[in-house]
Amino acid sequence: MSTNIPYKIYLEESELPQSWYNLRADMKNKPAPLLNPGTHEPMTAEELSPVFCEELVRQELDDTTQYFKIPDEIVSFYKMYRPSPLVRAYCLEEKLQTPAKIYYKFEGNNTSGSHKLNSAIAQAYYAKKQGLKGVTTETGAGQWGTALSMACSYFDLDCKVFMVKVSYEQKPFRREVMRTYGASVTPSPSETTNIGKKILAEHPGTTGSLGCAISEAVEVATSTEGYRYVLGSVLNQVLLHQSVIGLETKSALDKYGIKPDIIIGCAGGGSNLGGLISPFMGEKLRGEADYRIIAVEPVSCPSFTRGTFAYDFCDTGMVCPLAKMYTLGSGYIPAPNHAGGLRYHGMSSTLSQLYADGLMEAVSVPQTEVFKAAEEFARIEGILPAPESSHAIKVALDEAKKCKETGEEKTIVFGLTGTGYFDMVAYEKFHNGEMDDYVPTDEEIAASVAKLPKI
């Protein structure tokens, strides 16, 4: 076993990124603008400010500034858990008997258990700086809600979380972590909002979706004085904050002169994937290097691989701006699979444009195969991965096994976005043989896409 590369490549604290990288600045084809759902005109800062914090609106709309300086207060907070390690998976390589070199960027080394804290602390900081009382949000698997509750606790902000009902029931411990940090957690759709009541009337007994939870959170934010809405994925501002993942990854690889061939990330709304690939995609856009980039999504919610690239509502209640993205339709309610963070009906506009331009690939995988890969990884590498992260693991294993067949010595990098210790109900169902692989029919997707707004 070669050990010239450490098992874990750590950056020094002094090497922590001091600026976020805005990938859009290097895109020739910019993401299409958010549209006002009433006028179908591009959203202005004035129109977005009642929903989002003012500085976050500025970041959201800016597609020309290449770097945003990270405020000192956020850098200080990052130092509690960043830089995060880039791990050489020597044990996995040996077990697979593959010539591939496998690395993973591990984002689970903080109490929230995932990469979500990178943006949560930034959004909470700007809310506090604006003098707000609190924020509202949605959460699927609960990683974002957990991270935001931690960040709000740090800045003494109130935090109201609408958690997708199926995850609220599947992941009670994640819910209790949020409450430990002072957040209120409401299963969505709920009877506490007008939109929640409407959705329940139209879909009695629904298990909910991220689109439903977003609608409820936005309604509460816009109707409560001193509150704004914050989002854990999809938006440009979130991908901007998450660029610390990719910037650290590239710095760690550059230390040892390593150039990856394949970069793999799970994809729900796009936050971790966008963050991981940002500096590499930047090089690709500028013609400085080339990489094969793969987005991995569940077969039950295949927005990239079976969705339509069109303007759609970001939420089920149709109160949010319209975004041009790969979408299954804002009314699409996915099967209650256990990768709750990957159950969003659409995909980041930035990533959607890159995919449309042929700059990255996408694959969808069934959840039983995902959990097989998760278990294999846990037994070899000693980390219990989150179901979301395990989608990337599944495809990384597949690519490493292909290298064994062909003899190619490719370097594979994937994002391990978080740990799965709050997902044991999912692991239990997998072990008990109670997990299925629901695949939506073409008719189901067509019926949902047929309701897209006419732009």
Protein backbone atom coordinates (compact mmCIF):
# COMPACT_ATOMS: atom_id res chain seq x y z
CA MET A 1 0.00 0.00 0.00
CA SER A 2 1.49 3.34 -1.06
CA THR A 3 1.52 5.93 1.69
CA ASN A 4 3.24 8.84 -0.03
CA ILE A 5 -0.11 10.68 0.18
CA PRO A 6 -1.46 10.98 3.76
CA TYR A 7 -4.71 9.27 4.66
CA LYS A 8 -6.09 12.67 5.58
CA ILE A 9 -4.90 15.84 3.90
CA TYR A 10 -5.46 18.73 6.27
CA LEU A 11 -5.01 22.36 5.39
CA GLU A 12 -3.63 24.73 7.99
CA GLU A 13 -6.06 27.10 9.68
CA SER A 14 -4.27 29.92 7.86
CA GLU A 15 -5.19 28.26 4.55
CA LEU A 16 -8.93 28.55 5.18
CA PRO A 17 -10.53 30.35 2.20
CA GLN A 18 -10.96 34.07 2.86
CA SER A 19 -13.37 34.61 -0.04
CA TRP A 20 -16.27 32.71 -1.58
CA TYR A 21 -15.94 31.99 -5.31
CA ASN A 22 -18.85 32.99 -7.54
CA LEU A 23 -18.88 30.41 -10.35
CA ARG A 24 -21.41 32.45 -12.35
CA ALA A 25 -18.78 35.12 -13.02
CA ASP A 26 -16.93 32.67 -15.30
CA MET A 27 -20.03 31.31 -17.07
CA LYS A 28 -20.46 32.49 -20.65
CA ASN A 29 -24.10 31.41 -20.53
CA LYS A 30 -25.36 32.92 -17.28
CA PRO A 31 -28.19 31.28 -15.34
CA ALA A 32 -31.54 32.72 -16.39
CA PRO A 33 -32.84 35.36 -13.95
CA LEU A 34 -35.53 34.76 -11.36
CA LEU A 35 -38.87 36.00 -12.64
CA ASN A 36 -41.72 37.73 -10.85
CA PRO A 37 -44.57 35.17 -10.89
CA GLY A 38 -47.10 37.90 -11.67
CA THR A 39 -45.35 39.97 -14.33
CA HIS A 40 -42.83 37.41 -15.63
CA GLU A 41 -40.21 40.17 -15.51
CA PRO A 42 -36.79 39.63 -13.83
CA MET A 43 -37.01 40.02 -10.06
CA THR A 44 -35.44 43.20 -8.68
CA ALA A 45 -33.63 43.63 -5.39
CA GLU A 46 -36.60 45.66 -4.12
CA GLU A 47 -38.97 42.79 -4.89
CA LEU A 48 -36.76 40.16 -3.24
CA SER A 49 -35.92 42.16 -0.09
CA PRO A 50 -39.23 41.44 1.72
CA VAL A 51 -38.38 37.72 1.44
CA PHE A 52 -34.57 37.54 1.80
CA CYS A 53 -31.96 39.48 3.75
CA GLU A 54 -30.62 42.50 1.86
CA GLU A 55 -27.00 41.34 1.54
CA LEU A 56 -28.14 37.87 0.46
CA VAL A 57 -30.27 39.47 -2.26
CA ARG A 58 -27.15 41.27 -3.51
CA GLN A 59 -25.24 37.99 -3.63
CA GLU A 60 -28.16 36.24 -5.31
CA LEU A 61 -28.37 38.70 -8.19
CA ASP A 62 -24.64 39.25 -8.79
CA ASP A 63 -23.30 37.12 -11.64
CA THR A 64 -20.19 39.21 -12.43
CA THR A 65 -18.23 39.53 -9.17
CA GLN A 66 -15.79 36.61 -9.07
CA TYR A 67 -15.00 36.65 -5.33
CA PHE A 68 -16.90 37.81 -2.24
CA LYS A 69 -14.82 38.40 0.89
CA ILE A 70 -15.99 36.24 3.78
CA PRO A 71 -16.71 38.45 6.85
CA ASP A 72 -14.25 37.95 9.71
CA GLU A 73 -17.03 36.80 12.05
CA ILE A 74 -17.92 33.96 9.66
CA VAL A 75 -14.27 32.99 9.15
CA SER A 76 -13.90 32.76 12.94
CA PHE A 77 -16.94 30.48 13.14
CA TYR A 78 -15.66 28.34 10.25
CA LYS A 79 -12.45 27.73 12.21
CA MET A 80 -14.43 25.62 14.71
CA TYR A 81 -14.79 22.86 12.10
CA ARG A 82 -12.91 23.97 8.98
CA PRO A 83 -10.79 23.29 7.03
CA SER A 84 -12.42 19.86 6.75
CA PRO A 85 -10.31 16.84 5.77
CA LEU A 86 -9.79 15.44 2.30
CA VAL A 87 -9.42 11.70 2.83
CA ARG A 88 -7.52 9.24 0.63
CA ALA A 89 -9.63 6.07 0.71
CA TYR A 90 -6.70 3.63 0.83
CA CYS A 91 -8.73 0.90 2.52
CA LEU A 92 -11.49 1.17 -0.05
CA GLU A 93 -9.01 1.04 -2.93
CA GLU A 94 -7.37 -2.07 -1.51
CA LYS A 95 -10.68 -3.82 -0.85
CA LEU A 96 -11.89 -3.11 -4.38
CA GLN A 97 -8.51 -4.05 -5.87
CA THR A 98 -8.84 -1.07 -8.17
CA PRO A 99 -6.04 0.98 -9.73
CA ALA A 100 -8.21 4.06 -9.19
CA LYS A 101 -7.19 6.57 -6.56
CA ILE A 102 -10.20 7.61 -4.47
CA TYR A 103 -10.54 10.74 -2.35
CA TYR A 104 -13.51 12.10 -0.46
CA LYS A 105 -14.11 15.52 1.07
CA PHE A 106 -15.67 14.86 4.47
CA GLU A 107 -18.16 17.51 5.59
CA GLY A 108 -19.64 15.62 8.56
CA ASN A 109 -17.19 16.80 11.22
CA ASN A 110 -19.52 19.30 12.90
CA THR A 111 -22.54 18.87 15.17
CA SER A 112 -25.03 19.47 12.36
CA GLY A 113 -23.43 16.47 10.65
CA SER A 114 -23.26 18.00 7.18
CA HIS A 115 -22.01 20.71 4.82
CA LYS A 116 -25.14 22.80 5.43
CA LEU A 117 -23.53 24.79 8.25
CA ASN A 118 -21.30 26.56 5.70
CA SER A 119 -24.26 28.56 4.39
CA ALA A 120 -26.41 28.52 7.54
CA ILE A 121 -23.90 30.55 9.52
CA ALA A 122 -23.54 33.05 6.66
CA GLN A 123 -27.28 33.55 6.28
CA ALA A 124 -27.81 33.86 10.04
CA TYR A 125 -24.97 36.40 10.22
CA TYR A 126 -26.53 38.64 7.58
CA ALA A 127 -29.95 38.35 9.24
CA LYS A 128 -28.47 39.44 12.57
CA LYS A 129 -26.51 42.24 10.93
CA GLN A 130 -29.76 43.52 9.39
CA GLY A 131 -31.35 43.64 12.85
CA LEU A 132 -33.96 40.93 12.24
CA LYS A 133 -35.74 39.00 15.00
CA GLY A 134 -35.60 35.65 13.28
CA VAL A 135 -35.81 33.54 10.14
CA THR A 136 -38.00 30.81 8.68
CA THR A 137 -36.95 27.87 6.56
CA GLU A 138 -37.81 24.41 5.27
CA THR A 139 -35.87 21.20 5.75
CA GLY A 140 -36.06 17.76 4.19
CA ALA A 141 -33.85 15.19 5.91
CA GLY A 142 -33.21 17.76 8.63
CA GLN A 143 -29.56 18.56 7.97
CA TRP A 144 -30.32 22.11 6.87
CA GLY A 145 -32.75 22.68 9.73
CA THR A 146 -30.18 21.37 12.20
CA ALA A 147 -27.45 23.60 10.78
CA LEU A 148 -29.67 26.69 10.71
CA SER A 149 -30.88 26.13 14.27
CA MET A 150 -27.24 25.99 15.40
CA ALA A 151 -26.38 29.16 13.50
CA CYS A 152 -29.42 31.04 14.81
CA SER A 153 -28.62 29.97 18.36
CA TYR A 154 -25.12 31.38 17.93
CA PHE A 155 -26.52 34.76 16.87
CA ASP A 156 -29.55 34.75 19.24
CA LEU A 157 -32.07 34.64 16.38
CA ASP A 158 -35.45 32.91 16.45
CA CYS A 159 -35.66 29.99 14.01
CA LYS A 160 -38.92 28.53 12.65
CA VAL A 161 -38.46 25.30 10.68
CA PHE A 162 -41.04 23.56 8.48
CA MET A 163 -39.87 19.96 8.15
CA VAL A 164 -41.20 17.69 5.39
CA LYS A 165 -43.73 15.48 7.17
CA VAL A 166 -42.26 12.13 6.11
CA SER A 167 -38.84 13.17 7.41
CA TYR A 168 -40.38 14.64 10.58
CA GLU A 169 -41.72 11.13 11.26
CA GLN A 170 -38.70 9.17 9.97
CA LYS A 171 -36.02 11.27 11.71
CA PRO A 172 -37.23 12.22 15.20
CA PHE A 173 -33.72 12.65 16.58
CA ARG A 174 -32.80 15.18 13.92
CA ARG A 175 -35.94 17.07 14.90
CA GLU A 176 -34.91 17.01 18.55
CA VAL A 177 -31.45 18.40 17.78
CA MET A 178 -33.17 21.38 16.16
CA ARG A 179 -35.32 21.87 19.24
CA THR A 180 -32.26 21.54 21.45
CA TYR A 181 -30.81 24.56 19.65
CA GLY A 182 -34.03 26.48 20.22
CA ALA A 183 -35.83 26.10 16.89
CA SER A 184 -39.55 25.41 16.55
CA VAL A 185 -40.21 22.50 14.19
CA THR A 186 -43.52 22.02 12.36
CA PRO A 187 -44.34 19.03 10.13
CA SER A 188 -45.23 20.20 6.61
CA PRO A 189 -47.76 20.53 5.15
CA SER A 190 -49.45 21.83 8.31
CA GLU A 191 -52.67 23.46 9.43
CA THR A 192 -50.72 26.49 10.71
CA THR A 193 -50.55 28.30 7.34
CA ASN A 194 -53.05 29.09 4.61
CA ILE A 195 -50.90 27.35 2.01
CA GLY A 196 -50.50 24.27 4.23
CA LYS A 197 -54.27 24.01 4.65
CA LYS A 198 -54.76 24.34 0.88
CA ILE A 199 -52.22 21.61 0.11
CA LEU A 200 -53.77 19.27 2.69
CA ALA A 201 -57.23 19.88 1.23
CA GLU A 202 -55.99 19.02 -2.26
CA HIS A 203 -53.75 16.11 -1.16
CA PRO A 204 -55.22 14.54 2.01
CA GLY A 205 -52.69 12.42 3.87
CA THR A 206 -49.74 13.65 1.79
CA THR A 207 -46.25 12.95 3.13
CA GLY A 208 -45.17 16.40 1.98
CA SER A 209 -42.30 17.71 -0.10
CA LEU A 210 -39.62 20.38 0.05
CA GLY A 211 -41.78 22.48 -2.26
CA CYS A 212 -44.64 22.37 0.28
CA ALA A 213 -42.37 23.26 3.19
CA ILE A 214 -40.84 26.18 1.26
CA SER A 215 -44.30 27.63 0.62
CA GLU A 216 -45.21 27.52 4.30
CA ALA A 217 -41.90 29.01 5.41
CA VAL A 218 -42.19 31.88 2.91
CA GLU A 219 -45.76 32.62 3.99
CA VAL A 220 -44.73 32.92 7.64
CA ALA A 221 -41.65 35.02 6.83
CA THR A 222 -43.53 37.52 4.69
CA SER A 223 -46.41 37.86 7.16
CA THR A 224 -44.33 38.21 10.35
CA GLU A 225 -42.59 41.49 11.13
CA GLY A 226 -38.83 41.25 11.60
CA TYR A 227 -38.47 37.88 9.84
CA ARG A 228 -36.99 36.76 6.54
CA TYR A 229 -36.88 33.44 4.73
CA VAL A 230 -33.60 31.54 4.24
CA LEU A 231 -33.02 28.54 1.96
CA GLY A 232 -30.52 25.71 2.33
CA SER A 233 -29.96 24.87 -1.33
CA VAL A 234 -30.87 25.74 -4.93
CA LEU A 235 -30.19 29.50 -4.75
CA ASN A 236 -27.08 31.17 -6.17
CA GLN A 237 -26.18 32.63 -2.77
CA VAL A 238 -26.11 29.14 -1.21
CA LEU A 239 -23.81 27.75 -3.92
CA LEU A 240 -21.60 30.78 -3.33
CA HIS A 241 -21.22 30.03 0.41
CA GLN A 242 -20.67 26.33 -0.25
CA SER A 243 -17.74 27.10 -2.56
CA VAL A 244 -15.52 26.75 0.55
CA ILE A 245 -15.86 22.98 0.03
CA GLY A 246 -14.40 23.02 -3.47
CA LEU A 247 -11.80 25.69 -2.70
CA GLU A 248 -10.44 23.60 0.19
CA THR A 249 -10.58 20.42 -1.88
CA LYS A 250 -8.58 21.99 -4.70
CA SER A 251 -6.02 23.48 -2.32
CA ALA A 252 -5.50 20.09 -0.65
CA LEU A 253 -5.07 18.33 -3.99
CA ASP A 254 -2.75 21.04 -5.30
CA LYS A 255 -0.48 20.52 -2.27
CA TYR A 256 0.42 17.11 -3.64
CA GLY A 257 0.14 17.89 -7.34
CA ILE A 258 -3.01 15.78 -7.73
CA LYS A 259 -5.43 16.45 -10.60
CA PRO A 260 -8.75 14.59 -10.40
CA ASP A 261 -10.22 12.92 -13.46
CA ILE A 262 -13.74 12.46 -12.08
CA ILE A 263 -15.61 14.60 -9.51
CA ILE A 264 -18.86 13.19 -8.11
CA GLY A 265 -21.54 14.70 -5.89
CA CYS A 266 -25.09 13.90 -4.86
CA ALA A 267 -27.69 16.34 -6.20
CA GLY A 268 -30.98 17.40 -4.66
CA GLY A 269 -31.16 21.16 -5.01
CA GLY A 270 -27.48 21.56 -5.81
CA SER A 271 -25.79 23.11 -2.76
CA ASN A 272 -23.10 20.53 -2.02
CA LEU A 273 -22.50 19.58 -5.64
CA GLY A 274 -22.21 23.23 -6.67
CA GLY A 275 -19.86 23.92 -3.78
CA LEU A 276 -17.63 20.91 -4.44
CA ILE A 277 -17.21 21.46 -8.17
CA SER A 278 -17.02 25.28 -8.20
CA PRO A 279 -13.25 25.90 -8.64
CA PHE A 280 -12.86 22.88 -10.92
CA MET A 281 -15.77 23.96 -13.09
CA GLY A 282 -14.27 27.45 -13.10
CA GLU A 283 -11.08 26.06 -14.61
CA LYS A 284 -13.14 24.12 -17.14
CA LEU A 285 -15.09 27.23 -18.12
CA ARG A 286 -11.90 29.25 -18.51
CA GLY A 287 -10.29 26.51 -20.63
CA GLU A 288 -7.52 25.87 -18.10
CA ALA A 289 -8.33 22.21 -17.34
CA ASP A 290 -10.92 19.54 -17.99
CA TYR A 291 -12.76 17.26 -15.59
CA ARG A 292 -15.56 14.74 -15.81
CA ILE A 293 -18.22 15.93 -13.35
CA ILE A 294 -21.12 13.65 -12.37
CA ALA A 295 -24.29 14.64 -10.47
CA VAL A 296 -26.09 11.74 -8.77
CA GLU A 297 -29.78 11.87 -7.91
CA PRO A 298 -32.43 9.35 -6.76
CA VAL A 299 -34.56 7.56 -9.37
CA SER A 300 -37.62 8.62 -7.37
CA CYS A 301 -36.89 12.34 -7.89
CA PRO A 302 -34.94 12.55 -11.17
CA SER A 303 -35.05 16.27 -11.97
CA PHE A 304 -31.81 16.27 -14.02
CA THR A 305 -32.24 12.97 -15.81
CA ARG A 306 -35.99 13.08 -16.51
CA GLY A 307 -36.99 16.67 -15.83
CA THR A 308 -37.67 19.54 -18.21
CA PHE A 309 -35.43 22.62 -18.51
CA ALA A 310 -37.98 25.39 -18.09
CA TYR A 311 -39.22 28.14 -15.83
CA ASP A 312 -41.09 26.79 -12.83
CA PHE A 313 -42.16 27.79 -9.35
CA CYS A 314 -39.61 27.03 -6.64
CA ASP A 315 -42.41 25.93 -4.31
CA THR A 316 -45.61 23.88 -4.39
CA GLY A 317 -47.76 26.77 -3.19
CA MET A 318 -46.64 28.88 -6.17
CA VAL A 319 -45.79 31.98 -4.15
CA CYS A 320 -42.03 32.08 -4.81
CA PRO A 321 -40.26 33.52 -7.86
CA LEU A 322 -39.98 31.47 -11.04
CA ALA A 323 -36.60 29.89 -11.73
CA LYS A 324 -35.37 28.33 -14.96
CA MET A 325 -34.19 24.89 -13.98
CA TYR A 326 -34.49 21.20 -14.64
CA THR A 327 -37.79 20.45 -12.95
CA LEU A 328 -40.37 17.73 -12.47
CA GLY A 329 -43.03 20.38 -11.83
CA SER A 330 -43.62 22.26 -8.59
CA GLY A 331 -46.63 20.06 -7.82
CA TYR A 332 -44.57 16.86 -8.02
CA ILE A 333 -44.51 15.12 -4.65
CA PRO A 334 -41.79 12.44 -4.64
CA ALA A 335 -42.12 9.01 -3.10
CA PRO A 336 -41.09 9.04 0.58
CA ASN A 337 -37.56 7.76 0.01
CA HIS A 338 -35.03 8.04 2.80
CA ALA A 339 -32.70 10.56 1.17
CA GLY A 340 -34.96 13.40 2.27
CA GLY A 341 -32.47 16.08 1.23
CA LEU A 342 -32.70 14.90 -2.39
CA ARG A 343 -36.47 15.15 -2.71
CA TYR A 344 -36.73 18.60 -4.31
CA HIS A 345 -38.65 18.88 -7.58
CA GLY A 346 -36.06 21.10 -9.29
CA MET A 347 -32.36 21.84 -9.51
CA SER A 348 -30.21 24.94 -9.05
CA SER A 349 -30.45 27.32 -12.01
CA THR A 350 -26.66 27.56 -12.10
CA LEU A 351 -26.17 23.79 -12.26
CA SER A 352 -29.09 23.44 -14.66
CA GLN A 353 -27.43 25.81 -17.12
CA LEU A 354 -24.11 23.98 -16.83
CA TYR A 355 -25.88 20.67 -17.45
CA ALA A 356 -27.79 22.09 -20.42
CA ASP A 357 -24.47 23.29 -21.85
CA GLY A 358 -23.01 19.78 -21.62
CA LEU A 359 -20.42 20.68 -18.99
CA MET A 360 -21.48 17.96 -16.55
CA GLU A 361 -23.25 14.60 -16.50
CA ALA A 362 -26.10 13.25 -14.37
CA VAL A 363 -27.22 9.76 -13.36
CA SER A 364 -30.06 8.51 -11.17
CA VAL A 365 -29.76 5.52 -8.85
CA PRO A 366 -32.26 3.40 -6.85
CA GLN A 367 -32.18 3.69 -3.06
CA THR A 368 -31.61 -0.01 -2.31
CA GLU A 369 -28.42 0.14 -4.40
CA VAL A 370 -27.49 3.36 -2.59
CA PHE A 371 -27.82 1.70 0.81
CA LYS A 372 -25.80 -1.30 -0.34
CA ALA A 373 -23.03 1.12 -1.27
CA ALA A 374 -23.42 2.97 2.03
CA GLU A 375 -23.04 -0.25 3.99
CA GLU A 376 -20.03 -1.34 1.94
CA PHE A 377 -18.39 2.05 2.52
CA ALA A 378 -19.16 2.04 6.26
CA ARG A 379 -17.65 -1.42 6.72
CA ILE A 380 -14.46 -0.48 4.90
CA GLU A 381 -13.87 3.20 5.66
CA GLY A 382 -15.46 3.32 9.13
CA ILE A 383 -17.84 6.25 8.53
CA LEU A 384 -21.61 5.77 8.49
CA PRO A 385 -22.69 8.02 5.59
CA ALA A 386 -25.93 9.95 5.22
CA PRO A 387 -28.34 8.53 2.61
CA GLU A 388 -27.83 11.66 0.48
CA SER A 389 -24.03 11.30 0.48
CA SER A 390 -24.38 7.62 -0.32
CA HIS A 391 -25.65 8.45 -3.79
CA ALA A 392 -22.21 9.86 -4.58
CA ILE A 393 -20.57 6.86 -2.91
CA LYS A 394 -22.58 4.47 -5.10
CA VAL A 395 -21.36 6.07 -8.33
CA ALA A 396 -17.79 6.49 -7.02
CA LEU A 397 -17.69 2.75 -6.32
CA ASP A 398 -19.09 2.04 -9.78
CA GLU A 399 -16.40 4.18 -11.43
CA ALA A 400 -13.64 2.58 -9.34
CA LYS A 401 -14.86 -0.88 -10.34
CA LYS A 402 -14.82 0.16 -14.01
CA CYS A 403 -11.17 1.16 -13.54
CA LYS A 404 -10.48 -2.35 -12.25
CA GLU A 405 -11.99 -3.79 -15.42
CA THR A 406 -10.12 -1.46 -17.78
CA GLY A 407 -6.90 -1.05 -15.80
CA GLU A 408 -7.15 2.75 -15.97
CA GLU A 409 -5.58 4.63 -13.07
CA LYS A 410 -8.13 7.40 -12.72
CA THR A 411 -8.31 9.77 -9.75
CA ILE A 412 -11.84 10.01 -8.32
CA VAL A 413 -12.99 12.72 -5.89
CA PHE A 414 -16.44 12.67 -4.31
CA GLY A 415 -18.26 14.66 -1.68
CA LEU A 416 -19.16 12.93 1.58
CA THR A 417 -21.64 15.57 2.63
CA GLY A 418 -22.53 14.22 6.06
CA THR A 419 -23.02 11.40 8.52
CA GLY A 420 -26.00 9.07 8.82
CA TYR A 421 -26.30 8.63 12.57
CA PHE A 422 -29.76 10.25 12.58
CA ASP A 423 -30.88 8.05 9.68
CA MET A 424 -31.01 4.71 11.46
CA VAL A 425 -34.70 4.16 10.67
CA ALA A 426 -33.67 4.11 7.01
CA TYR A 427 -30.83 1.67 7.67
CA GLU A 428 -33.24 -0.48 9.70
CA LYS A 429 -35.72 -0.65 6.82
CA PHE A 430 -32.90 -1.56 4.45
CA HIS A 431 -31.66 -4.35 6.72
CA ASN A 432 -35.21 -5.64 7.23
CA GLY A 433 -35.85 -5.79 3.48
CA GLU A 434 -38.63 -3.20 3.78
CA MET A 435 -37.13 -0.66 1.38
CA ASP A 436 -38.40 -0.33 -2.18
CA ASP A 437 -37.22 1.41 -5.32
CA TYR A 438 -40.14 3.49 -6.50
CA VAL A 439 -39.66 4.81 -10.03
CA PRO A 440 -42.17 7.42 -11.27
CA THR A 441 -43.86 6.58 -14.54
CA ASP A 442 -43.51 8.72 -17.63
CA GLU A 443 -47.22 9.50 -17.27
CA GLU A 444 -46.76 10.82 -13.71
CA ILE A 445 -43.92 13.11 -14.71
CA ALA A 446 -45.70 14.25 -17.88
CA ALA A 447 -48.82 15.14 -15.90
CA SER A 448 -46.77 17.22 -13.47
CA VAL A 449 -44.69 18.92 -16.17
CA ALA A 450 -47.84 19.75 -18.11
CA LYS A 451 -48.73 22.20 -15.33
CA LEU A 452 -45.56 24.27 -15.75
CA PRO A 453 -46.25 27.99 -16.06
CA LYS A 454 -46.40 29.28 -19.61
CA ILE A 455 -43.48 31.69 -20.06
